[in-house]
Protein backbone atom coordinates (compact mmCIF):
# COMPACT_ATOMS: atom_id res chain seq x y z
CA UNK A 1 0.55 77.39 140.86
CA UNK A 2 3.07 79.03 138.50
CA UNK A 3 2.96 77.99 134.86
CA UNK A 4 6.16 75.98 135.15
CA UNK A 5 4.75 73.51 137.68
CA UNK A 6 6.09 70.03 136.88
CA UNK A 7 2.96 68.01 136.36
CA UNK A 8 1.89 68.01 132.71
CA UNK A 9 -1.33 66.02 132.93
CA UNK A 10 -0.05 62.79 131.40
CA UNK A 11 -2.48 59.91 131.25
CA UNK A 12 -0.02 57.17 132.12
CA UNK A 13 0.41 55.91 128.55
CA UNK A 14 4.02 54.86 128.12
CA UNK A 15 5.61 57.34 125.72
CA UNK A 16 9.28 56.72 126.53
CA UNK A 17 9.62 53.60 128.62
CA UNK A 18 9.22 51.87 131.96
CA UNK A 19 11.03 52.81 135.15
CA UNK A 20 11.96 51.11 138.40
CA UNK A 21 12.28 53.45 141.38
CA UNK A 22 14.50 52.77 144.42
CA UNK A 23 14.43 54.74 147.69
CA UNK A 24 11.29 56.31 146.28
CA UNK A 25 10.17 58.31 149.30
CA UNK A 26 6.99 60.23 148.57
CA UNK A 27 7.65 60.15 144.82
CA UNK A 28 9.26 63.48 143.96
CA UNK A 29 11.74 61.94 141.55
CA UNK A 30 8.98 59.77 140.09
CA UNK A 31 6.74 62.76 139.44
CA UNK A 32 9.59 64.25 137.41
CA UNK A 33 10.22 61.19 135.29
CA UNK A 34 6.49 60.72 134.69
CA UNK A 35 6.31 64.31 133.42
CA UNK A 36 9.21 63.50 131.08
CA UNK A 37 7.32 60.54 129.60
CA UNK A 38 8.50 57.55 131.65
CA UNK A 39 6.15 55.32 133.66
CA UNK A 40 7.11 54.09 137.11
CA UNK A 41 6.01 50.45 137.25
CA UNK A 42 7.52 49.50 140.63
CA UNK A 43 8.86 51.47 143.59
CA UNK A 44 10.83 50.41 146.66
CA UNK A 45 10.41 52.32 149.92
CA UNK A 46 10.81 51.21 153.53
CA UNK A 47 9.07 54.14 155.28
CA UNK A 48 5.41 53.24 155.76
CA UNK A 49 4.03 56.78 155.47
CA UNK A 50 6.01 57.51 152.31
CA UNK A 51 4.92 54.20 150.77
CA UNK A 52 1.32 55.04 151.67
CA UNK A 53 1.75 58.45 150.06
CA UNK A 54 2.86 56.90 146.77
CA UNK A 55 0.00 54.41 146.81
CA UNK A 56 -2.57 57.09 147.63
CA UNK A 57 -1.43 59.27 144.72
CA UNK A 58 -0.90 56.41 142.26
CA UNK A 59 -4.28 56.60 140.47
CA UNK A 60 -3.69 60.19 139.35
CA UNK A 61 0.06 60.67 139.34
CA UNK A 62 1.56 57.16 138.95
CA UNK A 63 -1.11 55.31 136.93
CA UNK A 64 1.31 52.62 135.74
CA UNK A 65 2.56 51.77 139.23
CA UNK A 66 1.93 48.10 139.92
CA UNK A 67 3.41 47.80 143.40
CA UNK A 68 5.23 49.72 146.11
CA UNK A 69 7.64 47.18 147.57
CA UNK A 70 7.97 47.93 151.27
CA UNK A 71 11.51 46.82 151.92
CA UNK A 72 14.79 48.02 153.37
CA UNK A 73 17.47 47.81 150.68
CA UNK A 74 20.27 47.72 153.25
CA UNK A 75 20.15 43.93 153.34
CA UNK A 76 20.43 43.77 149.57
CA UNK A 77 23.56 45.93 149.75
CA UNK A 78 25.27 43.93 152.48
CA UNK A 79 23.98 40.43 151.76
CA UNK A 80 22.97 40.16 155.42
CA UNK A 81 19.75 38.24 156.01
CA UNK A 82 16.92 37.50 153.64
CA UNK A 83 15.71 40.73 152.10
CA UNK A 84 14.23 41.81 148.80
CA UNK A 85 16.14 40.83 145.67
CA UNK A 86 16.49 42.53 142.30
CA UNK A 87 14.35 39.78 140.80
CA UNK A 88 11.64 40.54 143.36
CA UNK A 89 11.69 44.20 142.35
CA UNK A 90 11.48 43.42 138.64
CA UNK A 91 8.61 41.02 139.20
CA UNK A 92 6.79 43.67 141.23
CA UNK A 93 6.82 45.78 138.08
CA UNK A 94 5.48 42.95 135.96
CA UNK A 95 8.82 42.17 134.28
CA UNK A 96 9.54 38.51 133.62
CA UNK A 97 12.39 36.50 132.15
CA UNK A 98 14.71 38.69 130.11
CA UNK A 99 12.50 41.77 130.32
CA UNK A 100 14.33 44.82 131.59
CA UNK A 101 13.24 48.34 132.59
CA UNK A 102 14.18 51.27 130.40
CA UNK A 103 15.19 53.39 133.38
CA UNK A 104 16.37 52.91 136.96
CA UNK A 105 16.03 55.92 139.27
CA UNK A 106 16.70 56.55 142.93
CA UNK A 107 18.31 58.66 145.61
CA UNK A 108 19.94 56.51 148.32
CA UNK A 109 19.64 58.15 151.75
CA UNK A 110 22.43 60.63 152.34
CA UNK A 111 22.99 60.38 156.10
CA UNK A 112 26.74 59.84 155.88
CA UNK A 113 27.45 62.67 153.45
CA UNK A 114 24.97 65.42 154.29
CA UNK A 115 26.73 68.77 154.54
CA UNK A 116 24.69 69.67 157.61
CA UNK A 117 26.08 66.65 159.43
CA UNK A 118 29.81 67.07 158.92
CA UNK A 119 30.18 68.47 162.42
CA UNK A 120 29.65 64.90 163.66
CA UNK A 121 32.88 62.89 163.88
CA UNK A 122 31.25 59.62 162.80
CA UNK A 123 29.98 61.24 159.61
CA UNK A 124 33.31 62.84 158.75
CA UNK A 125 34.98 59.47 159.24
CA UNK A 126 32.55 57.81 156.84
CA UNK A 127 31.56 55.02 159.22
CA UNK A 128 27.80 55.44 158.94
CA UNK A 129 26.33 52.11 157.73
CA UNK A 130 23.80 54.00 155.57
CA UNK A 131 26.68 54.74 153.20
CA UNK A 132 26.32 51.18 151.93
CA UNK A 133 22.93 52.04 150.49
CA UNK A 134 24.84 53.45 147.54
CA UNK A 135 25.92 49.87 146.96
CA UNK A 136 22.30 48.72 147.03
CA UNK A 137 21.67 51.01 144.08
CA UNK A 138 24.69 49.81 142.09
CA UNK A 139 23.81 46.17 142.84
CA UNK A 140 20.32 46.60 141.38
CA UNK A 141 21.82 48.55 138.47
CA UNK A 142 24.20 45.66 137.65
CA UNK A 143 21.48 43.02 137.97
CA UNK A 144 18.48 44.81 136.46
CA UNK A 145 20.44 46.09 133.44
CA UNK A 146 18.21 49.04 132.52
CA UNK A 147 19.02 51.03 129.38
CA UNK A 148 19.55 54.21 131.38
CA UNK A 149 19.75 55.31 135.00
CA UNK A 150 19.43 58.43 137.14
CA UNK A 151 21.05 58.55 140.57
CA UNK A 152 20.48 61.54 142.87
CA UNK A 153 22.27 62.40 146.09
CA UNK A 154 23.57 65.21 148.27
CA UNK A 155 26.23 67.33 146.60
CA UNK A 156 28.50 66.88 149.62
CA UNK A 157 29.20 63.39 148.28
CA UNK A 158 31.51 65.09 145.78
CA UNK A 159 33.56 66.85 148.49
CA UNK A 160 37.27 66.10 148.69
CA UNK A 161 37.31 64.83 152.28
CA UNK A 162 37.90 61.53 154.06
CA UNK A 163 34.22 60.62 154.19
CA UNK A 164 33.00 61.61 150.74
CA UNK A 165 35.91 61.09 148.37
CA UNK A 166 36.40 57.32 148.90
CA UNK A 167 32.65 56.69 148.78
CA UNK A 168 32.19 58.74 145.61
CA UNK A 169 35.13 57.10 143.85
CA UNK A 170 33.84 53.66 144.83
CA UNK A 171 30.37 54.54 143.53
CA UNK A 172 31.73 55.61 140.13
CA UNK A 173 33.87 52.46 139.88
CA UNK A 174 30.84 50.28 140.58
CA UNK A 175 28.76 52.07 137.96
CA UNK A 176 31.46 51.51 135.37
CA UNK A 177 31.92 47.88 136.43
CA UNK A 178 28.17 47.37 135.92
CA UNK A 179 28.70 48.23 132.25
CA UNK A 180 27.61 51.87 132.10
CA UNK A 181 28.97 55.12 130.79
CA UNK A 182 27.95 58.11 132.86
CA UNK A 183 28.17 61.81 133.49
CA UNK A 184 27.59 63.74 136.71
CA UNK A 185 26.99 67.29 137.81
CA UNK A 186 25.79 69.25 140.82
CA UNK A 187 22.55 71.04 139.90
CA UNK A 188 21.00 73.81 141.98
CA UNK A 189 17.21 73.44 141.94
CA UNK A 190 16.75 77.23 141.81
CA UNK A 191 18.55 77.28 138.44
CA UNK A 192 15.76 75.10 137.01
CA UNK A 193 12.67 77.01 138.13
CA UNK A 194 12.33 75.59 141.64
CA UNK A 195 11.79 78.35 144.24
CA UNK A 196 14.42 76.80 146.51
CA UNK A 197 18.22 76.93 146.46
CA UNK A 198 18.82 73.21 146.77
CA UNK A 199 22.04 71.84 145.22
CA UNK A 200 21.92 68.13 144.42
CA UNK A 201 24.23 65.66 142.74
CA UNK A 202 22.85 63.92 139.66
CA UNK A 203 24.54 61.05 137.88
CA UNK A 204 23.01 59.90 134.58
CA UNK A 205 24.20 57.00 132.51
CA UNK A 206 23.55 54.50 129.75
CA UNK A 207 24.66 51.03 128.79
CA UNK A 208 27.83 51.27 126.75
CA UNK A 209 26.00 50.54 123.50
CA UNK A 210 23.33 53.22 124.15
CA UNK A 211 23.47 56.99 123.82
CA UNK A 212 24.71 58.81 126.90
CA UNK A 213 22.10 61.32 128.18
CA UNK A 214 22.99 64.97 128.56
CA UNK A 215 22.50 66.80 131.83
CA UNK A 216 20.25 69.85 131.44
CA UNK A 217 21.38 73.44 131.02
CA UNK A 218 20.12 75.94 133.56
CA UNK A 219 16.92 77.80 132.75
CA UNK A 220 17.23 80.41 135.51
CA UNK A 221 19.92 82.57 137.11
CA UNK A 222 20.53 84.39 140.38
CA UNK A 223 22.69 84.45 143.49
CA UNK A 224 23.45 81.59 145.84
CA UNK A 225 25.78 81.87 148.84
CA UNK A 226 27.28 85.18 147.67
CA UNK A 227 28.00 84.02 144.13
CA UNK A 228 26.25 83.96 140.80
CA UNK A 229 24.63 80.69 139.85
CA UNK A 230 22.74 79.28 136.90
CA UNK A 231 23.06 81.25 133.69
CA UNK A 232 19.64 80.60 132.21
CA UNK A 233 17.63 83.49 130.73
CA UNK A 234 15.04 83.70 133.55
CA UNK A 235 15.59 85.07 137.06
CA UNK A 236 15.24 82.73 140.01
CA UNK A 237 11.66 82.17 141.08
CA UNK A 238 11.05 83.74 144.51
CA UNK A 239 9.09 82.51 147.49
CA UNK A 240 6.90 85.61 147.30
CA UNK A 241 5.92 84.85 143.71
CA UNK A 242 5.14 81.20 144.39
CA UNK A 243 3.18 81.67 147.61
CA UNK A 244 1.35 84.89 146.65
CA UNK A 245 -1.94 83.28 145.53
CA UNK A 246 -1.90 80.39 148.00
CA UNK A 247 -4.66 80.36 150.60
CA UNK A 248 -3.81 78.20 153.61
CA UNK A 249 -5.33 77.39 156.97
CA UNK A 250 -3.32 77.72 160.21
CA UNK A 251 -1.74 74.52 161.53
CA UNK A 252 -1.34 73.54 165.17
CA UNK A 253 2.36 72.83 164.64
CA UNK A 254 3.22 76.18 163.09
CA UNK A 255 3.81 77.99 166.40
CA UNK A 256 7.55 78.34 167.04
CA UNK A 257 8.41 76.99 170.45
CA UNK A 258 11.69 76.29 172.15
CA UNK A 259 14.10 78.51 174.01
CA UNK A 260 14.70 81.01 171.20
CA UNK A 261 11.40 81.16 169.32
CA UNK A 262 10.43 84.51 170.82
CA UNK A 263 13.40 86.13 169.04
CA UNK A 264 12.11 85.52 165.52
CA UNK A 265 9.78 88.54 165.10
CA UNK A 266 12.66 91.02 165.33
CA UNK A 267 14.69 89.26 162.62
CA UNK A 268 14.13 90.80 159.17
CA UNK A 269 13.10 88.63 156.17
CA UNK A 270 16.14 86.75 154.92
CA UNK A 271 17.94 87.10 158.24
CA UNK A 272 18.89 84.60 160.91
CA UNK A 273 20.36 84.48 164.42
CA UNK A 274 23.23 86.74 163.29
CA UNK A 275 20.78 89.61 163.67
CA UNK A 276 21.43 89.28 167.41
CA UNK A 277 25.23 89.64 167.22
CA UNK A 278 27.54 92.55 167.94
CA UNK A 279 28.90 92.32 164.41
CA UNK A 280 25.44 93.18 163.07
CA UNK A 281 25.20 96.11 165.48
CA UNK A 282 22.64 94.67 167.87
CA UNK A 283 22.53 96.76 171.05
CA UNK A 284 22.07 93.68 173.26
CA UNK A 285 23.91 90.78 171.56
CA UNK A 286 22.74 87.28 172.40
CA UNK A 287 24.85 85.09 170.08
CA UNK A 288 28.49 84.95 169.08
CA UNK A 289 29.35 85.43 165.41
CA UNK A 290 29.01 82.15 163.49
CA UNK A 291 28.29 80.21 166.66
CA UNK A 292 25.22 78.47 165.19
CA UNK A 293 24.35 76.73 161.98
CA UNK A 294 23.14 79.09 159.23
CA UNK A 295 19.51 77.90 159.37
CA UNK A 296 19.12 78.75 163.07
CA UNK A 297 16.24 81.27 163.31
CA UNK A 298 16.43 81.66 159.53
CA UNK A 299 13.52 83.50 157.94
CA UNK A 300 12.38 83.39 154.31
CA UNK A 301 12.96 86.39 152.09
CA UNK A 302 9.94 86.84 149.77
CA UNK A 303 12.27 88.34 147.14
CA UNK A 304 14.52 85.27 146.90
CA UNK A 305 14.20 81.49 146.52
CA UNK A 306 13.94 79.61 149.79
CA UNK A 307 17.15 78.20 151.22
CA UNK A 308 17.33 74.42 151.45
CA UNK A 309 14.40 73.08 153.44
CA UNK A 310 15.39 70.27 155.79
CA UNK A 311 13.54 67.05 156.48
CA UNK A 312 14.02 67.09 160.26
CA UNK A 313 14.63 70.64 161.46
CA UNK A 314 15.18 71.33 165.14
CA UNK A 315 12.75 73.49 167.14
CA UNK A 316 14.47 76.75 166.16
CA UNK A 317 15.77 75.71 162.75
CA UNK A 318 14.26 77.37 159.68
CA UNK A 319 13.52 78.54 157.18
CA UNK A 320 10.46 80.06 158.81
CA UNK A 321 7.78 82.11 157.08
CA UNK A 322 8.25 85.89 157.11
CA UNK A 323 5.05 85.96 159.21
CA UNK A 324 7.06 84.41 162.07
CA UNK A 325 5.68 80.86 161.93
CA UNK A 326 6.57 77.49 160.54
CA UNK A 327 5.79 76.80 156.91
CA UNK A 328 2.47 75.08 156.29
CA UNK A 329 2.20 71.89 154.25
CA UNK A 330 0.68 73.60 151.17
CA UNK A 331 3.57 76.07 151.25
CA UNK A 332 6.12 73.27 151.47
CA UNK A 333 4.47 71.60 148.47
CA UNK A 334 4.83 74.79 146.44
CA UNK A 335 8.45 75.36 147.44
CA UNK A 336 9.31 71.83 146.26
CA UNK A 337 7.09 72.07 143.11
CA UNK A 338 4.77 69.24 144.12
CA UNK A 339 1.31 69.62 142.57
CA UNK A 340 -1.17 71.37 144.85
CA UNK A 341 -3.45 68.31 144.85
CA UNK A 342 -0.69 65.84 145.74
CA UNK A 343 -1.61 64.30 149.11
CA UNK A 344 0.78 63.25 151.88
CA UNK A 345 0.04 60.57 154.47
CA UNK A 346 1.13 60.77 158.09
CA UNK A 347 1.59 63.15 161.01
CA UNK A 348 2.95 66.65 160.43
CA UNK A 349 6.53 65.65 161.30
CA UNK A 350 6.34 62.73 158.86
CA UNK A 351 5.02 64.95 156.07
CA UNK A 352 7.87 67.43 156.70
CA UNK A 353 10.36 64.55 156.44
CA UNK A 354 8.78 63.18 153.26
CA UNK A 355 8.84 66.56 151.53
CA UNK A 356 12.25 67.55 152.89
CA UNK A 357 13.80 64.30 151.66
CA UNK A 358 12.27 64.64 148.20
CA UNK A 359 13.82 65.56 144.89
CA UNK A 360 11.89 68.62 143.66
CA UNK A 361 9.76 67.17 140.84
CA UNK A 362 10.52 70.04 138.47
CA UNK A 363 14.27 69.52 138.84
CA UNK A 364 13.78 65.79 138.29
CA UNK A 365 11.76 66.52 135.17
CA UNK A 366 14.60 68.57 133.66
CA UNK A 367 17.04 65.72 134.25
CA UNK A 368 14.63 63.04 133.02
CA UNK A 369 13.90 64.98 129.82
CA UNK A 370 17.58 64.73 128.95
CA UNK A 371 17.42 60.99 129.45
CA UNK A 372 14.22 60.70 127.42
CA UNK A 373 15.89 62.54 124.54
CA UNK A 374 18.57 59.85 124.38
CA UNK A 375 16.15 56.91 124.24
């Protein structure tokens, strides 16, 4: 693994403070805050495989984790039914009475605001009930009263459209009403040493009497969607660099099936279905120009970071390896900066979803270090 892998070999001794994790998934965000010196003492995750993944890795990577609360936070957000409460979550971390965590972290699911889903009318109209999971986060924030918080989400939440704008403005109002100052910024993971161009929204904040954390400056630079990005001294880390020394075994699920899979070998590295268009000079065009989503038949370029890797790609949705196959789990781990010995629980499709939904640990570490510096 490259030298800038996120895990720093911490022993679990609390050097900065305790953390409560919401919507924890497989623990990508938690790996980052642990590397920055925080200790996750309780996590909340409803997906059984992801919860199992956190528990399986706890002895080595989350040594202070006391419990993974397997609960759906939707009920907490809406007040419908008897679900987990903030008090339950604090108690799961061993906090009693007036004890409070030093940090609250989490990335509420982004179904309603994902850029890849704006072609669906119900998403553009902002009527997806998962949007209320943002309110689950702000409810726990107001009731748990941590010193600092980190909230991560899709960058499309900041878009000026009828779905995102009202939700984003409401979110910021609720954070302020909970008694916190905050700052927010869209960070591209590739600008922070992650070999993947993955823009994400980060909001960091502090109680009004505490020091407001600073969001990190970029450490790397390069191109993203035809424009310069980053500004750090180092060039973007490429997929070729990261995967060069990785030895992997073939997987049964790596064969590309579906109606269009046989077209992939002709597409050059970094290309996609547009290779088969008249505009690209193909002698026997198959597709119309911009008739598919960008990731359709998309192939990795070993000389660039990977494009955003999705949690639930369709049968012909990439990025695929330049060897004309699906990416293997060890390769996905590397492209997200998970440690090589971090284990995932579940079937191949579940592991893809867990990794694809994760915050790259190295990006999380950069953000968490800024919070740790303000403690």
